[in-house]
Amino acid sequence: MQKQCGLLLVVLSLIGIFLCLVRKNEPFFNLRKVVAEHLKIFENCPEQYFVFYGFPLIFAIGLSLVYQAGAAFYSELSVVLGILLSMLLAMLSILGGYDFSTVQDKGQRERGMKGIEETTNAILFDSVLIIGLLLYGLTIIVVSGASLPQVFYKLKAIVSGFAYYIFVVILLNLLLVIKHMSNLIKYNLTVTRGRKDDASRTKK
């Protein structure tokens, strides 16, 4: 009875956290806004929604039918997620060094600022997924060590499939972040080179 009550408290607390974060005018951390801002990236290419979120679902369902994850899987997954999160935070610190506000050409300045905004949103979105999956994995590890009714073990395929799905989405969005970062680096080099060329012409 004690373990069932503990599980109930865990579920209720996670639901409470989620509902608070998705409130429309949440002042602390608005999860709804984070997701909406990230999905704007695909506005001009809606078929990419299926690439980033449709195919991973099919993949996760197939994988869950082949292998149902246990506590060891989630323990190893947490290590991988920790590395990915550190990498994303490092990318975020790199973005802080970009400043296109001094670019004279308005079109170039807006393009650079938009690139930084999209990359920041993608990093934030991926970080949210990683943190969510870490909490999910921690819950599964704890729950798997407790004696629960048989019905919970029958849902193991669904539980595993959800973890697989979120992890694949994280990896695909990580590719998106890397692409945006590479574009920003190339753009920054181009703008910087343009400034140097203009300065040399002015001196002449």
C-alpha atoms as a PDB file:
ATOM      1  CA  MET A   1       0.000   0.000   0.000  1.00  0.00           C
ATOM      2  CA  GLN A   2       2.866   2.345   0.868  1.00  0.00           C
ATOM      3  CA  LYS A   3       4.499   1.851  -2.553  1.00  0.00           C
ATOM      4  CA  GLN A   4       1.204   2.460  -4.366  1.00  0.00           C
ATOM      5  CA  CYS A   5       0.741   5.711  -2.442  1.00  0.00           C
ATOM      6  CA  GLY A   6       4.297   6.739  -3.287  1.00  0.00           C
ATOM      7  CA  LEU A   7       3.684   6.045  -6.979  1.00  0.00           C
ATOM      8  CA  LEU A   8       0.470   8.049  -6.851  1.00  0.00           C
ATOM      9  CA  LEU A   9       2.306  11.018  -5.311  1.00  0.00           C
ATOM     10  CA  VAL A  10       4.997  10.828  -8.002  1.00  0.00           C
ATOM     11  CA  VAL A  11       2.430  10.804 -10.794  1.00  0.00           C
ATOM     12  CA  LEU A  12       0.395  13.635  -9.271  1.00  0.00           C
ATOM     13  CA  SER A  13       3.488  15.801  -8.736  1.00  0.00           C
ATOM     14  CA  LEU A  14       4.675  15.282 -12.330  1.00  0.00           C
ATOM     15  CA  ILE A  15       1.236  16.150 -13.665  1.00  0.00           C
ATOM     16  CA  GLY A  16       1.165  19.243 -11.433  1.00  0.00           C
ATOM     17  CA  ILE A  17       4.569  20.405 -12.703  1.00  0.00           C
ATOM     18  CA  PHE A  18       3.519  19.856 -16.314  1.00  0.00           C
ATOM     19  CA  LEU A  19       0.228  21.722 -15.928  1.00  0.00           C
ATOM     20  CA  CYS A  20       1.984  24.669 -14.292  1.00  0.00           C
ATOM     21  CA  LEU A  21       4.603  24.883 -17.040  1.00  0.00           C
ATOM     22  CA  VAL A  22       2.049  24.832 -19.876  1.00  0.00           C
ATOM     23  CA  ARG A  23      -0.119  27.600 -18.433  1.00  0.00           C
ATOM     24  CA  LYS A  24      -0.719  30.332 -20.987  1.00  0.00           C
ATOM     25  CA  ASN A  25       0.783  33.174 -18.948  1.00  0.00           C
ATOM     26  CA  GLU A  26       3.304  31.256 -16.873  1.00  0.00           C
ATOM     27  CA  PRO A  27       5.848  33.953 -15.784  1.00  0.00           C
ATOM     28  CA  PHE A  28       8.679  31.631 -14.699  1.00  0.00           C
ATOM     29  CA  PHE A  29       9.108  29.117 -17.525  1.00  0.00           C
ATOM     30  CA  ASN A  30       6.452  29.008 -20.229  1.00  0.00           C
ATOM     31  CA  LEU A  31       6.735  25.568 -21.825  1.00  0.00           C
ATOM     32  CA  ARG A  32       3.924  26.316 -24.244  1.00  0.00           C
ATOM     33  CA  LYS A  33       5.827  29.319 -25.612  1.00  0.00           C
ATOM     34  CA  VAL A  34       9.045  27.319 -25.953  1.00  0.00           C
ATOM     35  CA  VAL A  35       7.316  24.661 -28.074  1.00  0.00           C
ATOM     36  CA  ALA A  36       5.412  27.215 -30.178  1.00  0.00           C
ATOM     37  CA  GLU A  37       8.542  29.266 -30.897  1.00  0.00           C
ATOM     38  CA  HIS A  38      10.489  26.160 -31.904  1.00  0.00           C
ATOM     39  CA  LEU A  39       7.800  24.813 -34.227  1.00  0.00           C
ATOM     40  CA  LYS A  40       7.786  28.114 -36.128  1.00  0.00           C
ATOM     41  CA  ILE A  41      10.980  26.889 -37.791  1.00  0.00           C
ATOM     42  CA  PHE A  42       8.899  24.507 -39.908  1.00  0.00           C
ATOM     43  CA  GLU A  43       6.275  27.058 -40.993  1.00  0.00           C
ATOM     44  CA  ASN A  44       7.621  27.279 -44.544  1.00  0.00           C
ATOM     45  CA  CYS A  45       8.240  23.543 -44.812  1.00  0.00           C
ATOM     46  CA  PRO A  46       5.352  21.709 -43.063  1.00  0.00           C
ATOM     47  CA  GLU A  47       6.369  18.271 -44.389  1.00  0.00           C
ATOM     48  CA  GLN A  48       9.333  18.430 -42.010  1.00  0.00           C
ATOM     49  CA  TYR A  49       6.897  17.950 -39.114  1.00  0.00           C
ATOM     50  CA  PHE A  50       6.514  14.349 -40.228  1.00  0.00           C
ATOM     51  CA  VAL A  51      10.276  13.899 -40.640  1.00  0.00           C
ATOM     52  CA  PHE A  52      11.048  15.162 -37.148  1.00  0.00           C
ATOM     53  CA  TYR A  53       7.973  13.901 -35.276  1.00  0.00           C
ATOM     54  CA  GLY A  54       6.082  11.392 -37.454  1.00  0.00           C
ATOM     55  CA  PHE A  55       8.779   8.942 -38.514  1.00  0.00           C
ATOM     56  CA  PRO A  56      10.297   8.849 -34.998  1.00  0.00           C
ATOM     57  CA  LEU A  57       6.906   7.692 -33.689  1.00  0.00           C
ATOM     58  CA  ILE A  58       6.806   4.819 -36.184  1.00  0.00           C
ATOM     59  CA  PHE A  59      10.416   3.967 -35.328  1.00  0.00           C
ATOM     60  CA  ALA A  60       9.691   4.008 -31.585  1.00  0.00           C
ATOM     61  CA  ILE A  61       6.641   1.743 -31.941  1.00  0.00           C
ATOM     62  CA  GLY A  62       8.660  -0.774 -33.945  1.00  0.00           C
ATOM     63  CA  LEU A  63      11.563  -0.678 -31.509  1.00  0.00           C
ATOM     64  CA  SER A  64       9.271  -1.144 -28.496  1.00  0.00           C
ATOM     65  CA  LEU A  65       7.864  -4.296 -30.099  1.00  0.00           C
ATOM     66  CA  VAL A  66      11.393  -5.658 -30.485  1.00  0.00           C
ATOM     67  CA  TYR A  67      12.890  -4.612 -27.145  1.00  0.00           C
ATOM     68  CA  GLN A  68      11.311  -3.368 -23.921  1.00  0.00           C
ATOM     69  CA  ALA A  69      13.686  -1.213 -21.917  1.00  0.00           C
ATOM     70  CA  GLY A  70      14.613  -2.037 -18.344  1.00  0.00           C
ATOM     71  CA  ALA A  71      16.242  -0.088 -15.514  1.00  0.00           C
ATOM     72  CA  ALA A  72      19.734  -0.643 -16.960  1.00  0.00           C
ATOM     73  CA  PHE A  73      18.723   1.016 -20.214  1.00  0.00           C
ATOM     74  CA  TYR A  74      17.458   4.139 -18.451  1.00  0.00           C
ATOM     75  CA  SER A  75      20.603   4.325 -16.311  1.00  0.00           C
ATOM     76  CA  GLU A  76      22.815   4.296 -19.406  1.00  0.00           C
ATOM     77  CA  LEU A  77      20.465   6.669 -21.197  1.00  0.00           C
ATOM     78  CA  SER A  78      20.800   9.213 -18.383  1.00  0.00           C
ATOM     79  CA  VAL A  79      24.566   9.330 -18.968  1.00  0.00           C
ATOM     80  CA  VAL A  80      24.078   9.997 -22.683  1.00  0.00           C
ATOM     81  CA  LEU A  81      21.454  12.647 -21.984  1.00  0.00           C
ATOM     82  CA  GLY A  82      23.762  14.359 -19.486  1.00  0.00           C
ATOM     83  CA  ILE A  83      26.463  14.618 -22.166  1.00  0.00           C
ATOM     84  CA  LEU A  84      23.990  15.970 -24.721  1.00  0.00           C
ATOM     85  CA  LEU A  85      22.687  18.546 -22.254  1.00  0.00           C
ATOM     86  CA  SER A  86      26.228  19.731 -21.504  1.00  0.00           C
ATOM     87  CA  MET A  87      26.879  20.074 -25.222  1.00  0.00           C
ATOM     88  CA  LEU A  88      23.722  22.124 -25.745  1.00  0.00           C
ATOM     89  CA  LEU A  89      24.579  24.435 -22.861  1.00  0.00           C
ATOM     90  CA  ALA A  90      28.050  24.917 -24.352  1.00  0.00           C
ATOM     91  CA  MET A  91      26.443  25.874 -27.672  1.00  0.00           C
ATOM     92  CA  LEU A  92      24.218  28.319 -25.830  1.00  0.00           C
ATOM     93  CA  SER A  93      27.259  30.006 -24.293  1.00  0.00           C
ATOM     94  CA  ILE A  94      28.818  30.290 -27.757  1.00  0.00           C
ATOM     95  CA  LEU A  95      25.696  32.033 -29.024  1.00  0.00           C
ATOM     96  CA  GLY A  96      26.177  34.659 -26.333  1.00  0.00           C
ATOM     97  CA  GLY A  97      29.330  35.758 -28.144  1.00  0.00           C
ATOM     98  CA  TYR A  98      27.514  36.641 -31.363  1.00  0.00           C
ATOM     99  CA  ASP A  99      26.451  40.239 -31.772  1.00  0.00           C
ATOM    100  CA  PHE A 100      24.976  41.406 -35.069  1.00  0.00           C
ATOM    101  CA  SER A 101      23.482  44.593 -33.651  1.00  0.00           C
ATOM    102  CA  THR A 102      26.402  46.617 -35.029  1.00  0.00           C
ATOM    103  CA  VAL A 103      25.947  45.346 -38.607  1.00  0.00           C
ATOM    104  CA  GLN A 104      25.070  48.358 -40.726  1.00  0.00           C
ATOM    105  CA  ASP A 105      23.063  46.524 -43.382  1.00  0.00           C
ATOM    106  CA  LYS A 106      19.529  46.070 -41.997  1.00  0.00           C
ATOM    107  CA  GLY A 107      18.848  42.884 -43.980  1.00  0.00           C
ATOM    108  CA  GLN A 108      22.047  41.212 -42.787  1.00  0.00           C
ATOM    109  CA  ARG A 109      21.433  42.336 -39.211  1.00  0.00           C
ATOM    110  CA  GLU A 110      17.877  40.918 -39.163  1.00  0.00           C
ATOM    111  CA  ARG A 111      19.034  37.690 -40.771  1.00  0.00           C
ATOM    112  CA  GLY A 112      21.735  37.232 -38.143  1.00  0.00           C
ATOM    113  CA  MET A 113      19.401  38.027 -35.247  1.00  0.00           C
ATOM    114  CA  LYS A 114      16.781  35.638 -36.614  1.00  0.00           C
ATOM    115  CA  GLY A 115      19.393  32.878 -36.874  1.00  0.00           C
ATOM    116  CA  ILE A 116      20.425  33.390 -33.261  1.00  0.00           C
ATOM    117  CA  GLU A 117      16.792  33.377 -32.110  1.00  0.00           C
ATOM    118  CA  GLU A 118      15.938  30.168 -33.999  1.00  0.00           C
ATOM    119  CA  THR A 119      19.066  28.409 -32.746  1.00  0.00           C
ATOM    120  CA  THR A 120      18.395  29.480 -29.156  1.00  0.00           C
ATOM    121  CA  ASN A 121      14.798  28.220 -29.382  1.00  0.00           C
ATOM    122  CA  ALA A 122      15.958  24.883 -30.805  1.00  0.00           C
ATOM    123  CA  ILE A 123      18.524  24.473 -27.997  1.00  0.00           C
ATOM    124  CA  LEU A 124      15.941  25.380 -25.369  1.00  0.00           C
ATOM    125  CA  PHE A 125      13.399  22.949 -26.832  1.00  0.00           C
ATOM    126  CA  ASP A 126      15.923  20.100 -26.970  1.00  0.00           C
ATOM    127  CA  SER A 127      17.071  20.854 -23.402  1.00  0.00           C
ATOM    128  CA  VAL A 128      13.474  20.671 -22.167  1.00  0.00           C
ATOM    129  CA  LEU A 129      13.055  17.260 -23.821  1.00  0.00           C
ATOM    130  CA  ILE A 130      16.297  16.014 -22.275  1.00  0.00           C
ATOM    131  CA  ILE A 131      15.349  17.161 -18.782  1.00  0.00           C
ATOM    132  CA  GLY A 132      11.881  15.663 -19.188  1.00  0.00           C
ATOM    133  CA  LEU A 133      13.320  12.328 -20.331  1.00  0.00           C
ATOM    134  CA  LEU A 134      15.786  12.346 -17.417  1.00  0.00           C
ATOM    135  CA  LEU A 135      12.880  12.741 -14.972  1.00  0.00           C
ATOM    136  CA  TYR A 136      10.946  10.065 -16.847  1.00  0.00           C
ATOM    137  CA  GLY A 137      13.907   7.658 -16.714  1.00  0.00           C
ATOM    138  CA  LEU A 138      14.474   8.326 -13.011  1.00  0.00           C
ATOM    139  CA  THR A 139      10.823   7.542 -12.310  1.00  0.00           C
ATOM    140  CA  ILE A 140      10.991   4.300 -14.305  1.00  0.00           C
ATOM    141  CA  ILE A 141      14.180   3.195 -12.509  1.00  0.00           C
ATOM    142  CA  VAL A 142      12.596   3.750  -9.093  1.00  0.00           C
ATOM    143  CA  VAL A 143       9.270   2.180 -10.066  1.00  0.00           C
ATOM    144  CA  SER A 144      10.913  -0.881 -11.661  1.00  0.00           C
ATOM    145  CA  GLY A 145      12.456  -1.752  -8.293  1.00  0.00           C
ATOM    146  CA  ALA A 146       9.097  -1.806  -6.526  1.00  0.00           C
ATOM    147  CA  SER A 147       6.465  -4.530  -6.417  1.00  0.00           C
ATOM    148  CA  LEU A 148       3.543  -3.182  -8.399  1.00  0.00           C
ATOM    149  CA  PRO A 149       0.309  -4.678  -9.728  1.00  0.00           C
ATOM    150  CA  GLN A 150       0.710  -6.798 -12.859  1.00  0.00           C
ATOM    151  CA  VAL A 151      -1.138  -4.235 -14.974  1.00  0.00           C
ATOM    152  CA  PHE A 152       1.856  -1.865 -14.771  1.00  0.00           C
ATOM    153  CA  TYR A 153       4.173  -4.464 -16.292  1.00  0.00           C
ATOM    154  CA  LYS A 154       1.759  -5.038 -19.160  1.00  0.00           C
ATOM    155  CA  LEU A 155       2.250  -1.377 -20.114  1.00  0.00           C
ATOM    156  CA  LYS A 156       6.013  -1.806 -20.370  1.00  0.00           C
ATOM    157  CA  ALA A 157       5.994  -1.686 -24.183  1.00  0.00           C
ATOM    158  CA  ILE A 158       4.136   1.640 -24.156  1.00  0.00           C
ATOM    159  CA  VAL A 159       6.470   3.043 -21.494  1.00  0.00           C
ATOM    160  CA  SER A 160       9.524   1.965 -23.506  1.00  0.00           C
ATOM    161  CA  GLY A 161       8.058   3.285 -26.765  1.00  0.00           C
ATOM    162  CA  PHE A 162       7.529   6.726 -25.263  1.00  0.00           C
ATOM    163  CA  ALA A 163      11.164   6.881 -24.094  1.00  0.00           C
ATOM    164  CA  TYR A 164      12.413   5.745 -27.506  1.00  0.00           C
ATOM    165  CA  TYR A 165      10.273   8.360 -29.239  1.00  0.00           C
ATOM    166  CA  ILE A 166      11.459  11.283 -27.120  1.00  0.00           C
ATOM    167  CA  PHE A 167      15.090  10.181 -27.465  1.00  0.00           C
ATOM    168  CA  VAL A 168      14.889   9.987 -31.271  1.00  0.00           C
ATOM    169  CA  VAL A 169      13.207  13.414 -31.403  1.00  0.00           C
ATOM    170  CA  ILE A 170      16.037  14.782 -29.238  1.00  0.00           C
ATOM    171  CA  LEU A 171      18.665  13.393 -31.617  1.00  0.00           C
ATOM    172  CA  LEU A 172      16.929  14.717 -34.737  1.00  0.00           C
ATOM    173  CA  ASN A 173      16.505  18.155 -33.190  1.00  0.00           C
ATOM    174  CA  LEU A 174      20.153  18.022 -32.190  1.00  0.00           C
ATOM    175  CA  LEU A 175      20.982  17.746 -35.888  1.00  0.00           C
ATOM    176  CA  LEU A 176      18.829  20.824 -36.432  1.00  0.00           C
ATOM    177  CA  VAL A 177      20.765  22.702 -33.739  1.00  0.00           C
ATOM    178  CA  ILE A 178      24.100  21.699 -35.287  1.00  0.00           C
ATOM    179  CA  LYS A 179      22.903  22.856 -38.710  1.00  0.00           C
ATOM    180  CA  HIS A 180      21.834  26.231 -37.310  1.00  0.00           C
ATOM    181  CA  MET A 181      25.128  26.615 -35.459  1.00  0.00           C
ATOM    182  CA  SER A 182      27.152  25.870 -38.590  1.00  0.00           C
ATOM    183  CA  ASN A 183      25.082  28.392 -40.579  1.00  0.00           C
ATOM    184  CA  LEU A 184      25.652  31.021 -37.892  1.00  0.00           C
ATOM    185  CA  ILE A 185      29.398  30.402 -37.875  1.00  0.00           C
ATOM    186  CA  LYS A 186      29.570  30.752 -41.665  1.00  0.00           C
ATOM    187  CA  TYR A 187      27.402  33.849 -41.570  1.00  0.00           C
ATOM    188  CA  ASN A 188      29.456  35.405 -38.780  1.00  0.00           C
ATOM    189  CA  LEU A 189      32.665  34.814 -40.726  1.00  0.00           C
ATOM    190  CA  THR A 190      31.117  36.362 -43.843  1.00  0.00           C
ATOM    191  CA  VAL A 191      29.889  39.448 -41.996  1.00  0.00           C
ATOM    192  CA  THR A 192      33.200  39.866 -40.159  1.00  0.00           C
ATOM    193  CA  ARG A 193      35.146  39.542 -43.395  1.00  0.00           C
ATOM    194  CA  GLY A 194      32.829  42.104 -44.979  1.00  0.00           C
ATOM    195  CA  ARG A 195      33.524  44.549 -42.160  1.00  0.00           C
ATOM    196  CA  LYS A 196      37.284  44.130 -42.581  1.00  0.00           C
ATOM    197  CA  ASP A 197      37.055  44.653 -46.329  1.00  0.00           C
ATOM    198  CA  ASP A 198      34.988  47.826 -45.867  1.00  0.00           C
ATOM    199  CA  ALA A 199      37.469  49.104 -43.288  1.00  0.00           C
ATOM    200  CA  SER A 200      40.419  48.495 -45.620  1.00  0.00           C
ATOM    201  CA  ARG A 201      38.683  50.287 -48.465  1.00  0.00           C
ATOM    202  CA  THR A 202      37.952  53.249 -46.187  1.00  0.00           C
ATOM    203  CA  LYS A 203      41.635  53.528 -45.214  1.00  0.00           C
ATOM    204  CA  LYS A 204      42.663  53.504 -48.844  1.00  0.00           C
END
